[in-house]
Each structure stands twice: as structure tokens, then as C-alpha cells.
Amino acid sequence: MSSLGYPTIRLGADDGTDRNLFVNARELAEWGALHVMGGMKEGKRIIPENVIREVTTPVHRSGQPSFGYFWWLKEGQSRHPQNELGETLPDGSFQIFGASGCACLVIPEYRAVAVRLFNSLYEGYDYLADIRGFGDEVMRGLRKGEC
């Protein structure tokens, strides 16, 4: 049981071989920032610009939500039942996430990165609604100037 009283779902081994993300929120945000900045950090090229463009270009469409390399991409499919990005996110936004609900959301139009760490899932947990809600909440804050 979680501290909130919900039954937890175990997601794998503790030895790093299965569904584990060994990164803190700041490091995950820095990964997103590298993409917002086109591969640059503090005026230095860290990732080639063409690599950034490549990983955020759809490799899968076929009526499904768009996916690049590592990133789910927002391209107007907000009504698709499998879409993982919030309806209010602008096209061009992209997101990576982990099996336990952590996420790194990049919104280039706003030069914004939002990260959340979530360490477990609960039975009855509506993952798609939750991850969409995360993006929509970030957009509410950006539009209100709260972020």
C-alpha cells in the first residue's frame, strides 16, 4: 500500500535491469532544455542540431499518435484515444515518459520544459487521463504566466 492507502503495482527489479530511471528532476529538465535549445548548452554544442531535428521528427504516423525517436509528438491528434499529450498543448510539443508516470514535456513555442517524477502506479489509475492532464495543467500555468 502507498502512503495514500492505494494498492501499488510493482514495476520491475531494483537492480537497474527493468523499468528504472536513475535521474533526478533537474537532470531530466536539462535533457528537455537541450532539445528546446537545439542541442546547445551555455553556448556550446552538446548534441548536433540535425540529431535534435531527427529525434523530434515523426517516424510513425499511420493514424496513431506521432512518435519520433524517444519522444511522443503533438501534431494535432489530441482527440485520438491513444494520444498522450494534452489537448491544449500546441503542435510541435513533445514528451517522453516512464512506465511509472514520470515525464519530461517540451513546449518549444514557449521555450518551456516541465518535468514530473512519479514513482508508482495504482490499481485503477487512468494513465492516459493523468498524463494528458499533466500537459494541460502546464499549459494553464504558461498561459496565466505562472510558469
C-alpha atoms as a PDB file:
ATOM      1  CA  MET A   1       0.000   0.000   0.000  1.00  0.00           C
ATOM      2  CA  SER A   2       1.155   3.508  -0.732  1.00  0.00           C
ATOM      3  CA  SER A   3       1.295   6.225   1.900  1.00  0.00           C
ATOM      4  CA  LEU A   4      -2.064   7.372   0.484  1.00  0.00           C
ATOM      5  CA  GLY A   5      -3.608   3.965   1.083  1.00  0.00           C
ATOM      6  CA  TYR A   6      -3.729   2.879  -2.570  1.00  0.00           C
ATOM      7  CA  PRO A   7      -2.565  -0.621  -3.561  1.00  0.00           C
ATOM      8  CA  THR A   8       0.680  -0.271  -5.535  1.00  0.00           C
ATOM      9  CA  ILE A   9       1.734  -2.110  -8.675  1.00  0.00           C
ATOM     10  CA  ARG A  10       5.343  -3.368  -8.774  1.00  0.00           C
ATOM     11  CA  LEU A  11       7.083  -2.362 -11.996  1.00  0.00           C
ATOM     12  CA  GLY A  12      10.266  -4.412 -12.064  1.00  0.00           C
ATOM     13  CA  ALA A  13      13.605  -5.114 -10.466  1.00  0.00           C
ATOM     14  CA  ASP A  14      15.548  -2.744  -8.226  1.00  0.00           C
ATOM     15  CA  ASP A  15      18.903  -3.568  -9.854  1.00  0.00           C
ATOM     16  CA  GLY A  16      18.513  -1.290 -12.890  1.00  0.00           C
ATOM     17  CA  THR A  17      17.649  -4.030 -15.367  1.00  0.00           C
ATOM     18  CA  ASP A  18      13.931  -3.313 -15.640  1.00  0.00           C
ATOM     19  CA  ARG A  19      11.933  -0.069 -15.846  1.00  0.00           C
ATOM     20  CA  ASN A  20      14.151   2.086 -13.698  1.00  0.00           C
ATOM     21  CA  LEU A  21      15.050   5.705 -14.314  1.00  0.00           C
ATOM     22  CA  PHE A  22      18.120   6.787 -12.411  1.00  0.00           C
ATOM     23  CA  VAL A  23      17.862  10.522 -12.921  1.00  0.00           C
ATOM     24  CA  ASN A  24      16.653  13.406 -10.799  1.00  0.00           C
ATOM     25  CA  ALA A  25      14.183  16.097 -11.852  1.00  0.00           C
ATOM     26  CA  ARG A  26      16.909  18.642 -12.628  1.00  0.00           C
ATOM     27  CA  GLU A  27      18.774  16.198 -14.902  1.00  0.00           C
ATOM     28  CA  LEU A  28      15.578  15.301 -16.735  1.00  0.00           C
ATOM     29  CA  ALA A  29      14.776  19.005 -17.167  1.00  0.00           C
ATOM     30  CA  GLU A  30      18.277  19.587 -18.548  1.00  0.00           C
ATOM     31  CA  TRP A  31      17.639  16.855 -21.133  1.00  0.00           C
ATOM     32  CA  GLY A  32      14.467  18.675 -22.202  1.00  0.00           C
ATOM     33  CA  ALA A  33      16.280  22.023 -22.217  1.00  0.00           C
ATOM     34  CA  LEU A  34      18.897  20.624 -24.604  1.00  0.00           C
ATOM     35  CA  HIS A  35      16.045  19.964 -27.031  1.00  0.00           C
ATOM     36  CA  VAL A  36      14.468  23.400 -26.547  1.00  0.00           C
ATOM     37  CA  MET A  37      17.867  24.982 -27.207  1.00  0.00           C
ATOM     38  CA  GLY A  38      18.521  22.892 -30.328  1.00  0.00           C
ATOM     39  CA  GLY A  39      21.333  20.918 -28.716  1.00  0.00           C
ATOM     40  CA  MET A  40      23.142  23.894 -27.165  1.00  0.00           C
ATOM     41  CA  LYS A  41      24.061  24.398 -23.500  1.00  0.00           C
ATOM     42  CA  GLU A  42      25.767  27.533 -22.210  1.00  0.00           C
ATOM     43  CA  GLY A  43      26.776  28.490 -25.743  1.00  0.00           C
ATOM     44  CA  LYS A  44      28.342  25.111 -26.521  1.00  0.00           C
ATOM     45  CA  ARG A  45      27.060  22.489 -28.930  1.00  0.00           C
ATOM     46  CA  ILE A  46      26.292  19.315 -26.908  1.00  0.00           C
ATOM     47  CA  ILE A  47      24.088  17.491 -29.425  1.00  0.00           C
ATOM     48  CA  PRO A  48      24.256  18.094 -33.191  1.00  0.00           C
ATOM     49  CA  GLU A  49      21.273  20.154 -34.375  1.00  0.00           C
ATOM     50  CA  ASN A  50      20.382  17.560 -37.014  1.00  0.00           C
ATOM     51  CA  VAL A  51      20.117  14.918 -34.260  1.00  0.00           C
ATOM     52  CA  ILE A  52      17.649  17.101 -32.322  1.00  0.00           C
ATOM     53  CA  ARG A  53      15.619  17.575 -35.508  1.00  0.00           C
ATOM     54  CA  GLU A  54      15.742  13.846 -36.287  1.00  0.00           C
ATOM     55  CA  VAL A  55      14.579  12.655 -32.853  1.00  0.00           C
ATOM     56  CA  THR A  56      11.639  15.059 -32.890  1.00  0.00           C
ATOM     57  CA  THR A  57      10.509  14.178 -36.435  1.00  0.00           C
ATOM     58  CA  PRO A  58       7.721  11.589 -36.683  1.00  0.00           C
ATOM     59  CA  VAL A  59       8.785   8.089 -37.631  1.00  0.00           C
ATOM     60  CA  HIS A  60       5.329   6.636 -37.004  1.00  0.00           C
ATOM     61  CA  ARG A  61       2.007   8.159 -38.015  1.00  0.00           C
ATOM     62  CA  SER A  62      -0.451   5.747 -39.707  1.00  0.00           C
ATOM     63  CA  GLY A  63      -3.481   7.124 -37.885  1.00  0.00           C
ATOM     64  CA  GLN A  64      -1.823   6.737 -34.474  1.00  0.00           C
ATOM     65  CA  PRO A  65      -0.288   9.436 -32.295  1.00  0.00           C
ATOM     66  CA  SER A  66       3.033  10.557 -33.763  1.00  0.00           C
ATOM     67  CA  PHE A  67       6.241   9.206 -32.347  1.00  0.00           C
ATOM     68  CA  GLY A  68       9.819  10.292 -33.035  1.00  0.00           C
ATOM     69  CA  TYR A  69      12.876   8.687 -31.505  1.00  0.00           C
ATOM     70  CA  PHE A  70      12.269   8.741 -27.735  1.00  0.00           C
ATOM     71  CA  TRP A  71       9.562  11.436 -27.954  1.00  0.00           C
ATOM     72  CA  TRP A  72       5.793  11.387 -28.435  1.00  0.00           C
ATOM     73  CA  LEU A  73       4.956  14.323 -30.693  1.00  0.00           C
ATOM     74  CA  LYS A  74       1.969  16.675 -30.781  1.00  0.00           C
ATOM     75  CA  GLU A  75       0.714  17.051 -34.347  1.00  0.00           C
ATOM     76  CA  GLY A  76      -2.979  17.766 -33.993  1.00  0.00           C
ATOM     77  CA  GLN A  77      -4.017  14.289 -32.797  1.00  0.00           C
ATOM     78  CA  SER A  78      -5.332  15.487 -29.447  1.00  0.00           C
ATOM     79  CA  ARG A  79      -8.622  13.629 -29.922  1.00  0.00           C
ATOM     80  CA  HIS A  80      -7.030  10.251 -30.704  1.00  0.00           C
ATOM     81  CA  PRO A  81      -7.889   7.789 -27.895  1.00  0.00           C
ATOM     82  CA  GLN A  82      -4.224   6.773 -27.501  1.00  0.00           C
ATOM     83  CA  ASN A  83      -2.843  10.330 -27.502  1.00  0.00           C
ATOM     84  CA  GLU A  84      -0.602  11.003 -24.510  1.00  0.00           C
ATOM     85  CA  LEU A  85      -0.235  14.769 -24.918  1.00  0.00           C
ATOM     86  CA  GLY A  86      -2.830  17.160 -23.538  1.00  0.00           C
ATOM     87  CA  GLU A  87      -5.377  18.742 -25.859  1.00  0.00           C
ATOM     88  CA  THR A  88      -4.255  22.286 -25.057  1.00  0.00           C
ATOM     89  CA  LEU A  89      -0.579  21.720 -25.885  1.00  0.00           C
ATOM     90  CA  PRO A  90       0.454  23.448 -29.119  1.00  0.00           C
ATOM     91  CA  ASP A  91       1.531  21.386 -32.114  1.00  0.00           C
ATOM     92  CA  GLY A  92       5.280  20.928 -32.031  1.00  0.00           C
ATOM     93  CA  SER A  93       5.289  19.954 -28.344  1.00  0.00           C
ATOM     94  CA  PHE A  94       6.833  16.614 -27.421  1.00  0.00           C
ATOM     95  CA  GLN A  95       7.139  14.391 -24.373  1.00  0.00           C
ATOM     96  CA  ILE A  96       8.967  11.354 -23.026  1.00  0.00           C
ATOM     97  CA  PHE A  97       7.750   9.410 -20.042  1.00  0.00           C
ATOM     98  CA  GLY A  98       8.477   6.357 -17.990  1.00  0.00           C
ATOM     99  CA  ALA A  99       6.483   3.302 -17.028  1.00  0.00           C
ATOM    100  CA  SER A 100       5.801   4.648 -13.537  1.00  0.00           C
ATOM    101  CA  GLY A 101       4.417   8.008 -14.679  1.00  0.00           C
ATOM    102  CA  CYS A 102       7.484  10.272 -14.762  1.00  0.00           C
ATOM    103  CA  ALA A 103       7.520  12.713 -17.687  1.00  0.00           C
ATOM    104  CA  CYS A 104       9.581  15.348 -19.452  1.00  0.00           C
ATOM    105  CA  LEU A 105       7.411  17.672 -21.536  1.00  0.00           C
ATOM    106  CA  VAL A 106       8.968  20.111 -24.018  1.00  0.00           C
ATOM    107  CA  ILE A 107       6.945  23.008 -25.415  1.00  0.00           C
ATOM    108  CA  PRO A 108       9.207  24.782 -27.934  1.00  0.00           C
ATOM    109  CA  GLU A 109       6.650  27.518 -28.705  1.00  0.00           C
ATOM    110  CA  TYR A 110       7.036  28.702 -25.098  1.00  0.00           C
ATOM    111  CA  ARG A 111      10.688  27.596 -24.736  1.00  0.00           C
ATOM    112  CA  ALA A 112       9.422  25.602 -21.776  1.00  0.00           C
ATOM    113  CA  VAL A 113      10.266  22.274 -20.171  1.00  0.00           C
ATOM    114  CA  ALA A 114       8.146  20.656 -17.476  1.00  0.00           C
ATOM    115  CA  VAL A 115       9.178  17.573 -15.521  1.00  0.00           C
ATOM    116  CA  ARG A 116       7.409  15.386 -13.055  1.00  0.00           C
ATOM    117  CA  LEU A 117       8.644  12.379 -11.142  1.00  0.00           C
ATOM    118  CA  PHE A 118       6.037   9.856 -10.136  1.00  0.00           C
ATOM    119  CA  ASN A 119       7.302   6.669  -8.582  1.00  0.00           C
ATOM    120  CA  SER A 120       4.478   4.152  -8.863  1.00  0.00           C
ATOM    121  CA  LEU A 121       1.114   3.358 -10.352  1.00  0.00           C
ATOM    122  CA  TYR A 122      -2.046   2.353  -8.555  1.00  0.00           C
ATOM    123  CA  GLU A 123      -4.711  -0.136  -9.491  1.00  0.00           C
ATOM    124  CA  GLY A 124      -7.499   1.737 -11.226  1.00  0.00           C
ATOM    125  CA  TYR A 125      -5.102   4.509 -12.244  1.00  0.00           C
ATOM    126  CA  ASP A 126      -6.102   6.125 -15.587  1.00  0.00           C
ATOM    127  CA  TYR A 127      -2.675   6.678 -17.066  1.00  0.00           C
ATOM    128  CA  LEU A 128      -3.787   8.409 -20.286  1.00  0.00           C
ATOM    129  CA  ALA A 129      -6.062  10.868 -18.495  1.00  0.00           C
ATOM    130  CA  ASP A 130      -3.329  11.606 -15.971  1.00  0.00           C
ATOM    131  CA  ILE A 131      -0.520  12.221 -18.487  1.00  0.00           C
ATOM    132  CA  ARG A 132      -2.802  14.377 -20.678  1.00  0.00           C
ATOM    133  CA  GLY A 133      -3.846  16.328 -17.598  1.00  0.00           C
ATOM    134  CA  PHE A 134      -0.200  16.996 -16.764  1.00  0.00           C
ATOM    135  CA  GLY A 135       0.359  18.694 -20.123  1.00  0.00           C
ATOM    136  CA  ASP A 136      -2.879  20.648 -19.915  1.00  0.00           C
ATOM    137  CA  GLU A 137      -2.014  21.850 -16.394  1.00  0.00           C
ATOM    138  CA  VAL A 138       1.397  23.033 -17.566  1.00  0.00           C
ATOM    139  CA  MET A 139      -0.286  24.966 -20.407  1.00  0.00           C
ATOM    140  CA  ARG A 140      -2.736  26.589 -17.980  1.00  0.00           C
ATOM    141  CA  GLY A 141       0.208  27.826 -15.941  1.00  0.00           C
ATOM    142  CA  LEU A 142       2.116  29.073 -19.001  1.00  0.00           C
ATOM    143  CA  ARG A 143      -0.898  30.937 -20.356  1.00  0.00           C
ATOM    144  CA  LYS A 144      -1.538  32.569 -16.978  1.00  0.00           C
ATOM    145  CA  GLY A 145       2.133  33.488 -16.629  1.00  0.00           C
ATOM    146  CA  GLU A 146       2.502  31.290 -13.567  1.00  0.00           C
ATOM    147  CA  CYS A 147       5.386  29.263 -15.012  1.00  0.00           C
END
